[in-house]
């Protein structure tokens, strides 16, 4: 990359309640901090969570074990299985209400809250501790943007699997292969 080139823009759909998305976020943070990529993170929920079912803790635990196996030793330090399945809609809406530039840092805070701090990001009290409280206008805009992200994700027809990474060419990578695709930037 020359001084005149902008880093590649990656669009990612991920769920704060998903350990694979947490790992994707951690890897993207490293690349973003080093100026290697720009990231447009679109927070979404899986259908199980939308219908109030969430992942049963046993299933979440098995998925978490797979993620830990895929993580590097440094990444494992930031991953702990939450004591309860996370509920992410309030966090998604609050995240969407933020301005574009502050989302990267606050995305990290939300994933850390769930996957390192065992905090309930579905709680308004926890969200008030982590993120700035939006104005009523920002709150409304956040709800609308969160709906748009969810609609985009649903239209991708990826069988409800996150994370989903779209590169600048429009190519979609779903689930674990999306994480492996980041190796080209290392």
C-alpha atoms as a PDB file:
ATOM      1  CA  UNK A   1       0.000   0.000   0.000  1.00  0.00           C
ATOM      2  CA  UNK A   2       1.440   3.385  -0.970  1.00  0.00           C
ATOM      3  CA  UNK A   3       0.960   6.587   0.980  1.00  0.00           C
ATOM      4  CA  UNK A   4      -1.828   7.593  -1.403  1.00  0.00           C
ATOM      5  CA  UNK A   5      -3.854   4.392  -1.107  1.00  0.00           C
ATOM      6  CA  UNK A   6      -6.590   3.966   1.422  1.00  0.00           C
ATOM      7  CA  UNK A   7      -6.718   0.662   3.301  1.00  0.00           C
ATOM      8  CA  UNK A   8      -9.307  -1.815   2.017  1.00  0.00           C
ATOM      9  CA  UNK A   9     -12.841  -1.352   3.350  1.00  0.00           C
ATOM     10  CA  UNK A  10     -14.335  -4.491   4.882  1.00  0.00           C
ATOM     11  CA  UNK A  11     -18.000  -4.743   5.788  1.00  0.00           C
ATOM     12  CA  UNK A  12     -18.818  -7.187   8.556  1.00  0.00           C
ATOM     13  CA  UNK A  13     -22.139  -8.362   9.958  1.00  0.00           C
ATOM     14  CA  UNK A  14     -21.736  -9.823  13.436  1.00  0.00           C
ATOM     15  CA  UNK A  15     -23.598 -10.438  16.678  1.00  0.00           C
ATOM     16  CA  UNK A  16     -22.388  -9.342  20.117  1.00  0.00           C
ATOM     17  CA  UNK A  17     -23.861 -12.641  21.403  1.00  0.00           C
ATOM     18  CA  UNK A  18     -21.663 -14.774  19.100  1.00  0.00           C
ATOM     19  CA  UNK A  19     -18.165 -15.917  20.127  1.00  0.00           C
ATOM     20  CA  UNK A  20     -17.103 -16.196  16.452  1.00  0.00           C
ATOM     21  CA  UNK A  21     -18.073 -12.532  16.021  1.00  0.00           C
ATOM     22  CA  UNK A  22     -16.079 -11.659  19.155  1.00  0.00           C
ATOM     23  CA  UNK A  23     -13.003 -13.306  17.668  1.00  0.00           C
ATOM     24  CA  UNK A  24     -13.562 -11.550  14.321  1.00  0.00           C
ATOM     25  CA  UNK A  25     -13.856  -8.220  16.132  1.00  0.00           C
ATOM     26  CA  UNK A  26     -10.586  -8.794  18.004  1.00  0.00           C
ATOM     27  CA  UNK A  27      -8.722  -9.654  14.794  1.00  0.00           C
ATOM     28  CA  UNK A  28     -10.160  -6.705  12.927  1.00  0.00           C
ATOM     29  CA  UNK A  29      -9.245  -4.376  15.804  1.00  0.00           C
ATOM     30  CA  UNK A  30      -5.597  -5.346  15.422  1.00  0.00           C
ATOM     31  CA  UNK A  31      -5.666  -4.778  11.670  1.00  0.00           C
ATOM     32  CA  UNK A  32      -7.589  -1.500  12.027  1.00  0.00           C
ATOM     33  CA  UNK A  33      -5.226  -0.118  14.706  1.00  0.00           C
ATOM     34  CA  UNK A  34      -2.295  -0.884  12.391  1.00  0.00           C
ATOM     35  CA  UNK A  35      -3.985   0.972   9.516  1.00  0.00           C
ATOM     36  CA  UNK A  36      -4.263  -2.193   7.420  1.00  0.00           C
ATOM     37  CA  UNK A  37      -8.065  -2.158   6.929  1.00  0.00           C
ATOM     38  CA  UNK A  38     -11.093   0.028   7.473  1.00  0.00           C
ATOM     39  CA  UNK A  39     -14.081  -1.733   9.017  1.00  0.00           C
ATOM     40  CA  UNK A  40     -17.789  -1.059   8.688  1.00  0.00           C
ATOM     41  CA  UNK A  41     -19.243  -3.292  11.435  1.00  0.00           C
ATOM     42  CA  UNK A  42     -22.982  -3.893  11.182  1.00  0.00           C
ATOM     43  CA  UNK A  43     -24.356  -5.388  14.366  1.00  0.00           C
ATOM     44  CA  UNK A  44     -27.133  -7.944  13.863  1.00  0.00           C
ATOM     45  CA  UNK A  45     -28.922 -10.748  15.688  1.00  0.00           C
ATOM     46  CA  UNK A  46     -29.467 -14.335  14.703  1.00  0.00           C
ATOM     47  CA  UNK A  47     -33.008 -15.646  14.268  1.00  0.00           C
ATOM     48  CA  UNK A  48     -32.876 -17.621  17.530  1.00  0.00           C
ATOM     49  CA  UNK A  49     -32.225 -14.444  19.436  1.00  0.00           C
ATOM     50  CA  UNK A  50     -34.817 -12.446  17.491  1.00  0.00           C
ATOM     51  CA  UNK A  51     -37.469 -14.978  18.473  1.00  0.00           C
ATOM     52  CA  UNK A  52     -36.416 -14.774  22.116  1.00  0.00           C
ATOM     53  CA  UNK A  53     -34.895 -18.225  22.189  1.00  0.00           C
ATOM     54  CA  UNK A  54     -31.213 -17.303  22.231  1.00  0.00           C
ATOM     55  CA  UNK A  55     -28.630 -20.025  22.060  1.00  0.00           C
ATOM     56  CA  UNK A  56     -29.074 -22.595  24.796  1.00  0.00           C
ATOM     57  CA  UNK A  57     -26.096 -22.308  27.127  1.00  0.00           C
ATOM     58  CA  UNK A  58     -24.959 -25.839  26.198  1.00  0.00           C
ATOM     59  CA  UNK A  59     -24.834 -24.882  22.489  1.00  0.00           C
ATOM     60  CA  UNK A  60     -23.145 -21.580  23.290  1.00  0.00           C
ATOM     61  CA  UNK A  61     -20.572 -23.467  25.357  1.00  0.00           C
ATOM     62  CA  UNK A  62     -19.804 -25.869  22.479  1.00  0.00           C
ATOM     63  CA  UNK A  63     -19.459 -22.964  20.029  1.00  0.00           C
ATOM     64  CA  UNK A  64     -17.252 -21.140  22.508  1.00  0.00           C
ATOM     65  CA  UNK A  65     -14.987 -24.205  22.746  1.00  0.00           C
ATOM     66  CA  UNK A  66     -14.598 -24.194  18.932  1.00  0.00           C
ATOM     67  CA  UNK A  67     -13.710 -20.496  18.981  1.00  0.00           C
ATOM     68  CA  UNK A  68     -11.117 -20.988  21.725  1.00  0.00           C
ATOM     69  CA  UNK A  69      -9.500 -23.715  19.611  1.00  0.00           C
ATOM     70  CA  UNK A  70      -9.332 -21.316  16.634  1.00  0.00           C
ATOM     71  CA  UNK A  71      -8.009 -18.380  18.694  1.00  0.00           C
ATOM     72  CA  UNK A  72      -4.368 -17.520  19.216  1.00  0.00           C
ATOM     73  CA  UNK A  73      -3.040 -17.628  22.793  1.00  0.00           C
ATOM     74  CA  UNK A  74      -3.304 -13.818  23.016  1.00  0.00           C
ATOM     75  CA  UNK A  75      -6.894 -13.863  21.743  1.00  0.00           C
ATOM     76  CA  UNK A  76      -7.868 -16.544  24.261  1.00  0.00           C
ATOM     77  CA  UNK A  77      -7.035 -14.142  27.089  1.00  0.00           C
ATOM     78  CA  UNK A  78     -10.007 -11.964  26.135  1.00  0.00           C
ATOM     79  CA  UNK A  79     -12.529 -14.779  25.759  1.00  0.00           C
ATOM     80  CA  UNK A  80     -14.520 -16.171  28.659  1.00  0.00           C
ATOM     81  CA  UNK A  81     -17.820 -17.989  28.395  1.00  0.00           C
ATOM     82  CA  UNK A  82     -20.595 -15.759  29.775  1.00  0.00           C
ATOM     83  CA  UNK A  83     -22.625 -17.206  32.627  1.00  0.00           C
ATOM     84  CA  UNK A  84     -25.845 -16.688  30.619  1.00  0.00           C
ATOM     85  CA  UNK A  85     -26.650 -16.454  26.925  1.00  0.00           C
ATOM     86  CA  UNK A  86     -26.282 -12.793  25.887  1.00  0.00           C
ATOM     87  CA  UNK A  87     -29.222 -10.725  24.636  1.00  0.00           C
ATOM     88  CA  UNK A  88     -27.849  -8.171  22.203  1.00  0.00           C
ATOM     89  CA  UNK A  89     -30.717  -6.040  20.790  1.00  0.00           C
ATOM     90  CA  UNK A  90     -30.279  -3.137  23.251  1.00  0.00           C
ATOM     91  CA  UNK A  91     -26.514  -3.123  22.589  1.00  0.00           C
ATOM     92  CA  UNK A  92     -27.074  -3.204  18.825  1.00  0.00           C
ATOM     93  CA  UNK A  93     -29.433  -0.241  18.925  1.00  0.00           C
ATOM     94  CA  UNK A  94     -27.128   1.760  21.210  1.00  0.00           C
ATOM     95  CA  UNK A  95     -24.142   0.883  19.002  1.00  0.00           C
ATOM     96  CA  UNK A  96     -26.041   1.968  15.868  1.00  0.00           C
ATOM     97  CA  UNK A  97     -26.895   5.298  17.534  1.00  0.00           C
ATOM     98  CA  UNK A  98     -23.179   6.151  17.785  1.00  0.00           C
ATOM     99  CA  UNK A  99     -21.437   8.175  15.109  1.00  0.00           C
ATOM    100  CA  UNK A 100     -19.501   6.142  12.552  1.00  0.00           C
ATOM    101  CA  UNK A 101     -16.086   7.156  13.939  1.00  0.00           C
ATOM    102  CA  UNK A 102     -16.706   6.025  17.509  1.00  0.00           C
ATOM    103  CA  UNK A 103     -18.180   2.640  16.627  1.00  0.00           C
ATOM    104  CA  UNK A 104     -14.830   0.788  16.380  1.00  0.00           C
ATOM    105  CA  UNK A 105     -13.778   1.589  19.941  1.00  0.00           C
ATOM    106  CA  UNK A 106     -17.239   1.005  21.329  1.00  0.00           C
ATOM    107  CA  UNK A 107     -17.647  -2.275  19.436  1.00  0.00           C
ATOM    108  CA  UNK A 108     -14.592  -3.481  21.325  1.00  0.00           C
ATOM    109  CA  UNK A 109     -16.115  -2.335  24.628  1.00  0.00           C
ATOM    110  CA  UNK A 110     -19.319  -4.258  23.941  1.00  0.00           C
ATOM    111  CA  UNK A 111     -17.566  -7.487  22.973  1.00  0.00           C
ATOM    112  CA  UNK A 112     -15.244  -7.183  25.982  1.00  0.00           C
ATOM    113  CA  UNK A 113     -18.244  -6.617  28.249  1.00  0.00           C
ATOM    114  CA  UNK A 114     -19.856  -9.882  27.106  1.00  0.00           C
ATOM    115  CA  UNK A 115     -16.855 -12.119  26.429  1.00  0.00           C
ATOM    116  CA  UNK A 116     -14.375 -10.929  29.067  1.00  0.00           C
ATOM    117  CA  UNK A 117     -16.515  -9.184  31.668  1.00  0.00           C
ATOM    118  CA  UNK A 118     -19.616 -11.421  31.737  1.00  0.00           C
ATOM    119  CA  UNK A 119     -21.817  -8.321  31.643  1.00  0.00           C
ATOM    120  CA  UNK A 120     -25.374  -8.245  30.324  1.00  0.00           C
ATOM    121  CA  UNK A 121     -25.340  -5.869  27.336  1.00  0.00           C
ATOM    122  CA  UNK A 122     -29.114  -6.247  27.223  1.00  0.00           C
ATOM    123  CA  UNK A 123     -29.283  -4.159  30.402  1.00  0.00           C
ATOM    124  CA  UNK A 124     -29.755  -0.389  30.022  1.00  0.00           C
ATOM    125  CA  UNK A 125     -27.732   0.104  33.220  1.00  0.00           C
ATOM    126  CA  UNK A 126     -24.750  -1.776  31.777  1.00  0.00           C
ATOM    127  CA  UNK A 127     -25.063   0.084  28.469  1.00  0.00           C
ATOM    128  CA  UNK A 128     -25.115   3.426  30.310  1.00  0.00           C
ATOM    129  CA  UNK A 129     -21.846   2.430  32.009  1.00  0.00           C
ATOM    130  CA  UNK A 130     -20.222   1.455  28.706  1.00  0.00           C
ATOM    131  CA  UNK A 131     -21.522   3.845  26.060  1.00  0.00           C
ATOM    132  CA  UNK A 132     -22.666   7.447  25.799  1.00  0.00           C
ATOM    133  CA  UNK A 133     -26.401   7.890  26.256  1.00  0.00           C
ATOM    134  CA  UNK A 134     -27.948   8.941  22.937  1.00  0.00           C
ATOM    135  CA  UNK A 135     -30.317  11.838  22.474  1.00  0.00           C
ATOM    136  CA  UNK A 136     -33.889  10.897  21.503  1.00  0.00           C
ATOM    137  CA  UNK A 137     -33.030  11.710  17.865  1.00  0.00           C
ATOM    138  CA  UNK A 138     -29.890   9.561  17.968  1.00  0.00           C
ATOM    139  CA  UNK A 139     -31.836   6.771  19.660  1.00  0.00           C
ATOM    140  CA  UNK A 140     -34.456   6.814  16.882  1.00  0.00           C
ATOM    141  CA  UNK A 141     -31.775   6.907  14.177  1.00  0.00           C
ATOM    142  CA  UNK A 142     -29.984   4.008  15.914  1.00  0.00           C
ATOM    143  CA  UNK A 143     -33.135   1.866  15.895  1.00  0.00           C
ATOM    144  CA  UNK A 144     -33.641   2.610  12.182  1.00  0.00           C
ATOM    145  CA  UNK A 145     -30.030   1.823  11.309  1.00  0.00           C
ATOM    146  CA  UNK A 146     -30.127  -1.393  13.353  1.00  0.00           C
ATOM    147  CA  UNK A 147     -33.234  -2.449  11.395  1.00  0.00           C
ATOM    148  CA  UNK A 148     -31.498  -1.663   8.101  1.00  0.00           C
ATOM    149  CA  UNK A 149     -28.445  -3.728   9.102  1.00  0.00           C
ATOM    150  CA  UNK A 150     -30.692  -6.620  10.102  1.00  0.00           C
ATOM    151  CA  UNK A 151     -32.590  -6.442   6.806  1.00  0.00           C
ATOM    152  CA  UNK A 152     -29.305  -6.431   4.861  1.00  0.00           C
ATOM    153  CA  UNK A 153     -28.094  -9.445   6.832  1.00  0.00           C
ATOM    154  CA  UNK A 154     -31.352 -11.341   6.321  1.00  0.00           C
ATOM    155  CA  UNK A 155     -31.149 -10.653   2.561  1.00  0.00           C
ATOM    156  CA  UNK A 156     -27.645 -12.162   2.397  1.00  0.00           C
ATOM    157  CA  UNK A 157     -29.240 -15.628   2.826  1.00  0.00           C
ATOM    158  CA  UNK A 158     -26.316 -17.003   4.834  1.00  0.00           C
ATOM    159  CA  UNK A 159     -28.388 -19.422   6.921  1.00  0.00           C
ATOM    160  CA  UNK A 160     -28.193 -17.161   9.961  1.00  0.00           C
ATOM    161  CA  UNK A 161     -24.431 -17.658  10.355  1.00  0.00           C
ATOM    162  CA  UNK A 162     -22.206 -14.848  11.643  1.00  0.00           C
ATOM    163  CA  UNK A 163     -19.775 -13.300  11.186  1.00  0.00           C
ATOM    164  CA  UNK A 164     -20.139 -12.412   7.520  1.00  0.00           C
ATOM    165  CA  UNK A 165     -17.348 -10.473   5.845  1.00  0.00           C
ATOM    166  CA  UNK A 166     -17.739  -8.659   2.540  1.00  0.00           C
ATOM    167  CA  UNK A 167     -14.566  -7.430   0.882  1.00  0.00           C
ATOM    168  CA  UNK A 168     -14.269  -4.536  -1.576  1.00  0.00           C
ATOM    169  CA  UNK A 169     -14.943  -6.833  -4.530  1.00  0.00           C
ATOM    170  CA  UNK A 170     -18.311  -7.792  -3.016  1.00  0.00           C
ATOM    171  CA  UNK A 171     -17.220 -11.350  -2.177  1.00  0.00           C
ATOM    172  CA  UNK A 172     -18.957 -12.751   0.915  1.00  0.00           C
ATOM    173  CA  UNK A 173     -17.243 -15.042   3.402  1.00  0.00           C
ATOM    174  CA  UNK A 174     -19.386 -16.636   6.091  1.00  0.00           C
ATOM    175  CA  UNK A 175     -18.494 -18.032   9.512  1.00  0.00           C
ATOM    176  CA  UNK A 176     -15.013 -19.414  10.230  1.00  0.00           C
ATOM    177  CA  UNK A 177     -13.762 -18.863   6.625  1.00  0.00           C
ATOM    178  CA  UNK A 178     -14.361 -15.142   7.095  1.00  0.00           C
ATOM    179  CA  UNK A 179     -11.807 -15.167   9.921  1.00  0.00           C
ATOM    180  CA  UNK A 180      -9.310 -17.150   7.858  1.00  0.00           C
ATOM    181  CA  UNK A 181      -9.623 -14.591   5.061  1.00  0.00           C
ATOM    182  CA  UNK A 182      -7.984 -11.978   7.301  1.00  0.00           C
ATOM    183  CA  UNK A 183      -4.680 -13.865   7.040  1.00  0.00           C
ATOM    184  CA  UNK A 184      -3.983 -12.084   3.722  1.00  0.00           C
ATOM    185  CA  UNK A 185      -3.606  -8.825   5.685  1.00  0.00           C
ATOM    186  CA  UNK A 186      -1.004 -10.156   8.123  1.00  0.00           C
END
